[in-house]
C-alpha atoms as a PDB file:
ATOM      1  CA  UNK A   1     112.652 118.511 -48.411  1.00  0.00           C
ATOM      2  CA  UNK A   2     114.207 121.573 -46.778  1.00  0.00           C
ATOM      3  CA  UNK A   3     114.916 124.587 -48.944  1.00  0.00           C
ATOM      4  CA  UNK A   4     118.568 125.310 -49.623  1.00  0.00           C
ATOM      5  CA  UNK A   5     119.791 128.258 -47.539  1.00  0.00           C
ATOM      6  CA  UNK A   6     121.588 131.120 -49.218  1.00  0.00           C
ATOM      7  CA  UNK A   7     125.351 131.101 -48.516  1.00  0.00           C
ATOM      8  CA  UNK A   8     125.010 134.576 -46.997  1.00  0.00           C
ATOM      9  CA  UNK A   9     122.776 133.136 -44.267  1.00  0.00           C
ATOM     10  CA  UNK A  10     125.078 130.211 -43.487  1.00  0.00           C
ATOM     11  CA  UNK A  11     128.036 132.576 -43.163  1.00  0.00           C
ATOM     12  CA  UNK A  12     125.885 134.895 -41.084  1.00  0.00           C
ATOM     13  CA  UNK A  13     125.015 132.074 -38.673  1.00  0.00           C
ATOM     14  CA  UNK A  14     128.705 131.397 -38.091  1.00  0.00           C
ATOM     15  CA  UNK A  15     129.536 135.095 -37.689  1.00  0.00           C
ATOM     16  CA  UNK A  16     126.687 135.646 -35.234  1.00  0.00           C
ATOM     17  CA  UNK A  17     127.834 132.729 -33.100  1.00  0.00           C
ATOM     18  CA  UNK A  18     131.404 134.036 -33.180  1.00  0.00           C
ATOM     19  CA  UNK A  19     130.335 137.613 -32.399  1.00  0.00           C
ATOM     20  CA  UNK A  20     128.357 136.372 -29.412  1.00  0.00           C
ATOM     21  CA  UNK A  21     131.576 134.824 -28.144  1.00  0.00           C
ATOM     22  CA  UNK A  22     133.266 138.217 -28.369  1.00  0.00           C
ATOM     23  CA  UNK A  23     135.170 137.769 -31.632  1.00  0.00           C
ATOM     24  CA  UNK A  24     135.848 141.323 -32.859  1.00  0.00           C
ATOM     25  CA  UNK A  25     136.626 140.192 -36.408  1.00  0.00           C
ATOM     26  CA  UNK A  26     133.273 138.412 -36.566  1.00  0.00           C
ATOM     27  CA  UNK A  27     131.522 141.725 -35.817  1.00  0.00           C
ATOM     28  CA  UNK A  28     133.437 143.437 -38.593  1.00  0.00           C
ATOM     29  CA  UNK A  29     132.510 140.729 -41.098  1.00  0.00           C
ATOM     30  CA  UNK A  30     128.911 140.630 -39.924  1.00  0.00           C
ATOM     31  CA  UNK A  31     128.751 144.370 -40.464  1.00  0.00           C
ATOM     32  CA  UNK A  32     130.259 144.044 -43.950  1.00  0.00           C
ATOM     33  CA  UNK A  33     127.854 141.256 -44.840  1.00  0.00           C
ATOM     34  CA  UNK A  34     124.654 143.003 -43.772  1.00  0.00           C
ATOM     35  CA  UNK A  35     125.202 146.777 -43.607  1.00  0.00           C
ATOM     36  CA  UNK A  36     124.496 147.597 -47.263  1.00  0.00           C
ATOM     37  CA  UNK A  37     121.375 145.444 -47.217  1.00  0.00           C
ATOM     38  CA  UNK A  38     120.110 147.165 -44.076  1.00  0.00           C
ATOM     39  CA  UNK A  39     120.779 150.602 -45.575  1.00  0.00           C
ATOM     40  CA  UNK A  40     118.976 149.634 -48.789  1.00  0.00           C
ATOM     41  CA  UNK A  41     116.011 148.425 -46.741  1.00  0.00           C
ATOM     42  CA  UNK A  42     115.950 151.601 -44.636  1.00  0.00           C
ATOM     43  CA  UNK A  43     116.257 153.735 -47.783  1.00  0.00           C
ATOM     44  CA  UNK A  44     113.251 151.973 -49.318  1.00  0.00           C
ATOM     45  CA  UNK A  45     111.264 152.742 -46.192  1.00  0.00           C
ATOM     46  CA  UNK A  46     112.230 156.367 -45.642  1.00  0.00           C
ATOM     47  CA  UNK A  47     113.233 157.538 -49.128  1.00  0.00           C
ATOM     48  CA  UNK A  48     116.402 159.353 -48.099  1.00  0.00           C
ATOM     49  CA  UNK A  49     119.914 157.892 -48.205  1.00  0.00           C
ATOM     50  CA  UNK A  50     121.350 160.003 -45.378  1.00  0.00           C
ATOM     51  CA  UNK A  51     118.407 159.352 -43.089  1.00  0.00           C
ATOM     52  CA  UNK A  52     118.624 155.652 -43.900  1.00  0.00           C
ATOM     53  CA  UNK A  53     122.317 155.637 -42.922  1.00  0.00           C
ATOM     54  CA  UNK A  54     121.486 157.326 -39.606  1.00  0.00           C
ATOM     55  CA  UNK A  55     118.735 154.844 -38.773  1.00  0.00           C
ATOM     56  CA  UNK A  56     120.923 151.875 -39.656  1.00  0.00           C
ATOM     57  CA  UNK A  57     123.761 153.169 -37.462  1.00  0.00           C
ATOM     58  CA  UNK A  58     121.276 153.423 -34.590  1.00  0.00           C
ATOM     59  CA  UNK A  59     120.069 149.920 -35.409  1.00  0.00           C
ATOM     60  CA  UNK A  60     123.626 148.540 -35.351  1.00  0.00           C
ATOM     61  CA  UNK A  61     124.101 149.972 -31.868  1.00  0.00           C
ATOM     62  CA  UNK A  62     120.994 148.125 -30.715  1.00  0.00           C
ATOM     63  CA  UNK A  63     122.002 144.954 -32.573  1.00  0.00           C
ATOM     64  CA  UNK A  64     125.421 145.052 -30.905  1.00  0.00           C
ATOM     65  CA  UNK A  65     124.042 145.579 -27.427  1.00  0.00           C
ATOM     66  CA  UNK A  66     121.188 143.075 -27.787  1.00  0.00           C
ATOM     67  CA  UNK A  67     122.838 140.202 -29.658  1.00  0.00           C
ATOM     68  CA  UNK A  68     123.158 138.232 -26.431  1.00  0.00           C
ATOM     69  CA  UNK A  69     119.353 138.151 -26.216  1.00  0.00           C
ATOM     70  CA  UNK A  70     119.008 136.480 -29.624  1.00  0.00           C
ATOM     71  CA  UNK A  71     118.222 132.855 -28.861  1.00  0.00           C
ATOM     72  CA  UNK A  72     118.682 131.449 -32.376  1.00  0.00           C
ATOM     73  CA  UNK A  73     121.641 132.438 -34.547  1.00  0.00           C
ATOM     74  CA  UNK A  74     119.671 131.481 -37.666  1.00  0.00           C
ATOM     75  CA  UNK A  75     117.090 134.147 -36.843  1.00  0.00           C
ATOM     76  CA  UNK A  76     119.632 136.971 -37.033  1.00  0.00           C
ATOM     77  CA  UNK A  77     118.530 138.376 -40.401  1.00  0.00           C
ATOM     78  CA  UNK A  78     114.829 138.627 -39.523  1.00  0.00           C
ATOM     79  CA  UNK A  79     115.660 139.911 -36.036  1.00  0.00           C
ATOM     80  CA  UNK A  80     118.054 142.561 -37.344  1.00  0.00           C
ATOM     81  CA  UNK A  81     115.679 143.654 -40.122  1.00  0.00           C
ATOM     82  CA  UNK A  82     113.033 144.047 -37.440  1.00  0.00           C
ATOM     83  CA  UNK A  83     115.320 146.372 -35.485  1.00  0.00           C
ATOM     84  CA  UNK A  84     116.109 148.393 -38.624  1.00  0.00           C
ATOM     85  CA  UNK A  85     112.428 148.596 -39.544  1.00  0.00           C
ATOM     86  CA  UNK A  86     111.472 149.782 -36.049  1.00  0.00           C
ATOM     87  CA  UNK A  87     114.211 152.436 -36.061  1.00  0.00           C
ATOM     88  CA  UNK A  88     113.043 153.767 -39.428  1.00  0.00           C
ATOM     89  CA  UNK A  89     109.364 153.734 -38.470  1.00  0.00           C
ATOM     90  CA  UNK A  90     110.046 155.576 -35.217  1.00  0.00           C
ATOM     91  CA  UNK A  91     112.199 158.075 -37.078  1.00  0.00           C
ATOM     92  CA  UNK A  92     109.481 158.596 -39.692  1.00  0.00           C
ATOM     93  CA  UNK A  93     106.872 159.219 -37.013  1.00  0.00           C
ATOM     94  CA  UNK A  94     109.143 161.679 -35.241  1.00  0.00           C
ATOM     95  CA  UNK A  95     109.991 163.466 -38.502  1.00  0.00           C
ATOM     96  CA  UNK A  96     106.309 163.677 -39.405  1.00  0.00           C
ATOM     97  CA  UNK A  97     105.620 165.346 -36.079  1.00  0.00           C
ATOM     98  CA  UNK A  98     108.509 167.778 -36.534  1.00  0.00           C
ATOM     99  CA  UNK A  99     107.782 168.771 -40.121  1.00  0.00           C
ATOM    100  CA  UNK A 100     105.020 168.347 -42.649  1.00  0.00           C
ATOM    101  CA  UNK A 101     107.336 168.172 -45.668  1.00  0.00           C
ATOM    102  CA  UNK A 102     106.515 165.400 -48.195  1.00  0.00           C
ATOM    103  CA  UNK A 103     108.893 162.506 -48.811  1.00  0.00           C
ATOM    104  CA  UNK A 104     111.449 163.269 -51.534  1.00  0.00           C
ATOM    105  CA  UNK A 105     110.984 161.546 -54.895  1.00  0.00           C
ATOM    106  CA  UNK A 106     113.374 158.661 -55.453  1.00  0.00           C
ATOM    107  CA  UNK A 107     115.585 159.369 -58.470  1.00  0.00           C
ATOM    108  CA  UNK A 108     118.708 157.353 -57.755  1.00  0.00           C
ATOM    109  CA  UNK A 109     118.543 154.940 -60.715  1.00  0.00           C
ATOM    110  CA  UNK A 110     121.086 155.734 -63.419  1.00  0.00           C
ATOM    111  CA  UNK A 111     122.536 153.851 -66.336  1.00  0.00           C
ATOM    112  CA  UNK A 112     126.137 154.328 -65.090  1.00  0.00           C
ATOM    113  CA  UNK A 113     126.282 150.729 -63.884  1.00  0.00           C
ATOM    114  CA  UNK A 114     126.143 149.366 -67.440  1.00  0.00           C
ATOM    115  CA  UNK A 115     122.443 148.513 -67.352  1.00  0.00           C
ATOM    116  CA  UNK A 116     120.553 149.086 -70.579  1.00  0.00           C
ATOM    117  CA  UNK A 117     118.584 152.345 -70.679  1.00  0.00           C
ATOM    118  CA  UNK A 118     115.205 150.563 -71.019  1.00  0.00           C
ATOM    119  CA  UNK A 119     115.908 148.446 -67.965  1.00  0.00           C
ATOM    120  CA  UNK A 120     116.966 151.554 -66.044  1.00  0.00           C
ATOM    121  CA  UNK A 121     113.725 153.292 -67.013  1.00  0.00           C
ATOM    122  CA  UNK A 122     111.755 150.266 -65.854  1.00  0.00           C
ATOM    123  CA  UNK A 123     113.624 150.170 -62.548  1.00  0.00           C
ATOM    124  CA  UNK A 124     113.047 153.897 -62.062  1.00  0.00           C
ATOM    125  CA  UNK A 125     109.311 153.517 -62.722  1.00  0.00           C
ATOM    126  CA  UNK A 126     109.122 150.564 -60.339  1.00  0.00           C
ATOM    127  CA  UNK A 127     111.123 152.407 -57.664  1.00  0.00           C
ATOM    128  CA  UNK A 128     108.822 155.405 -57.939  1.00  0.00           C
ATOM    129  CA  UNK A 129     105.759 153.152 -57.784  1.00  0.00           C
ATOM    130  CA  UNK A 130     107.066 151.386 -54.671  1.00  0.00           C
ATOM    131  CA  UNK A 131     107.771 154.792 -53.089  1.00  0.00           C
ATOM    132  CA  UNK A 132     104.050 155.561 -53.337  1.00  0.00           C
ATOM    133  CA  UNK A 133     103.133 152.594 -51.146  1.00  0.00           C
ATOM    134  CA  UNK A 134     102.509 153.008 -47.414  1.00  0.00           C
ATOM    135  CA  UNK A 135     105.655 152.230 -45.343  1.00  0.00           C
ATOM    136  CA  UNK A 136     104.371 148.861 -44.099  1.00  0.00           C
ATOM    137  CA  UNK A 137     103.646 147.666 -47.641  1.00  0.00           C
ATOM    138  CA  UNK A 138     107.004 149.016 -48.885  1.00  0.00           C
ATOM    139  CA  UNK A 139     108.751 147.056 -46.155  1.00  0.00           C
ATOM    140  CA  UNK A 140     106.909 143.834 -47.019  1.00  0.00           C
ATOM    141  CA  UNK A 141     107.645 144.191 -50.753  1.00  0.00           C
ATOM    142  CA  UNK A 142     111.289 145.096 -50.158  1.00  0.00           C
ATOM    143  CA  UNK A 143     111.916 142.180 -47.816  1.00  0.00           C
ATOM    144  CA  UNK A 144     110.018 139.650 -49.944  1.00  0.00           C
ATOM    145  CA  UNK A 145     111.382 140.552 -53.372  1.00  0.00           C
ATOM    146  CA  UNK A 146     114.512 142.522 -52.534  1.00  0.00           C
ATOM    147  CA  UNK A 147     115.898 140.305 -49.784  1.00  0.00           C
ATOM    148  CA  UNK A 148     114.210 137.021 -50.667  1.00  0.00           C
ATOM    149  CA  UNK A 149     112.799 136.578 -47.182  1.00  0.00           C
ATOM    150  CA  UNK A 150     109.953 134.183 -46.508  1.00  0.00           C
ATOM    151  CA  UNK A 151     106.658 135.458 -45.150  1.00  0.00           C
ATOM    152  CA  UNK A 152     107.363 134.093 -41.661  1.00  0.00           C
ATOM    153  CA  UNK A 153     110.717 135.925 -41.620  1.00  0.00           C
ATOM    154  CA  UNK A 154     109.045 139.128 -42.774  1.00  0.00           C
ATOM    155  CA  UNK A 155     106.531 138.737 -39.962  1.00  0.00           C
ATOM    156  CA  UNK A 156     109.382 138.654 -37.462  1.00  0.00           C
ATOM    157  CA  UNK A 157     111.266 141.489 -39.178  1.00  0.00           C
ATOM    158  CA  UNK A 158     108.250 143.802 -39.240  1.00  0.00           C
ATOM    159  CA  UNK A 159     106.734 142.650 -35.942  1.00  0.00           C
ATOM    160  CA  UNK A 160     103.445 141.765 -37.634  1.00  0.00           C
ATOM    161  CA  UNK A 161     101.376 138.577 -37.763  1.00  0.00           C
ATOM    162  CA  UNK A 162     101.859 136.303 -40.791  1.00  0.00           C
ATOM    163  CA  UNK A 163      98.326 137.038 -42.016  1.00  0.00           C
ATOM    164  CA  UNK A 164      99.024 140.765 -41.886  1.00  0.00           C
ATOM    165  CA  UNK A 165     102.190 140.313 -43.946  1.00  0.00           C
ATOM    166  CA  UNK A 166     100.255 138.321 -46.550  1.00  0.00           C
ATOM    167  CA  UNK A 167      97.604 141.041 -46.682  1.00  0.00           C
ATOM    168  CA  UNK A 168     100.218 143.770 -47.021  1.00  0.00           C
ATOM    169  CA  UNK A 169     101.878 141.921 -49.880  1.00  0.00           C
ATOM    170  CA  UNK A 170      98.542 141.370 -51.614  1.00  0.00           C
ATOM    171  CA  UNK A 171      97.542 145.030 -51.319  1.00  0.00           C
ATOM    172  CA  UNK A 172     101.004 146.239 -52.319  1.00  0.00           C
ATOM    173  CA  UNK A 173     100.996 144.062 -55.447  1.00  0.00           C
ATOM    174  CA  UNK A 174      97.550 145.351 -56.400  1.00  0.00           C
ATOM    175  CA  UNK A 175      98.539 148.979 -55.830  1.00  0.00           C
ATOM    176  CA  UNK A 176     101.731 148.509 -57.845  1.00  0.00           C
ATOM    177  CA  UNK A 177      99.740 146.956 -60.663  1.00  0.00           C
ATOM    178  CA  UNK A 178      97.302 149.884 -60.629  1.00  0.00           C
ATOM    179  CA  UNK A 179     100.093 152.482 -60.482  1.00  0.00           C
ATOM    180  CA  UNK A 180     102.065 150.885 -63.285  1.00  0.00           C
ATOM    181  CA  UNK A 181      98.994 150.478 -65.499  1.00  0.00           C
ATOM    182  CA  UNK A 182      98.410 154.204 -65.187  1.00  0.00           C
ATOM    183  CA  UNK A 183     101.964 154.930 -66.378  1.00  0.00           C
END
C-alpha cells in the first residue's frame, strides 16, 4: 500500500509542471509554498537568518534556471532541498576560509507565539543541541524530522548515499541524546 502524500507535495507537483510550461503565477505560488521551508532548512544549517535568506535566494535562482532539467515533477522537493543544501555548504566553506569566527548561538525561540514556557524551553534546548551537530547531521535531522522527508529523499537532497544518510541520522540521534542528558 502506497503512503499517502502530503497535500503540499501534490500541489507542488502541479505547480512545478505549470512552472515548467512558463506559467508565471505557478512560480509565484511555488515560491510561496516552499520559500519559508527552504529558509528554515538553511537557517538550521548555517545558524544565521540573514545568511540563510541569502543562500536561499541564490538557490531560487538556480532552481529557476535549472527546472527544465528536472525529469520528475514529484522529485522537486528533494531536488530543491539539495540545491539549498549545496548553496549553504559552499557558503559555509567560503565563510570558514574568510573568517575563523564561531557560529552564533541560536536563541530565536520565544514564547510570543502562545506556546507554554516549558515547551519553549524544551524547544530552545533542542535547537541548541541540534546546533552543536556537524552540518551534515543537522541537515539529515532537519529534513527527516522537520520536513518529514524519507531517507531516500534526504539522500537526494544532501547528495549522499542512503547508507550515509542512515549513519548520519544514527550518529545525530546519539549525539543529541548525549547532549541532552548532560543538560
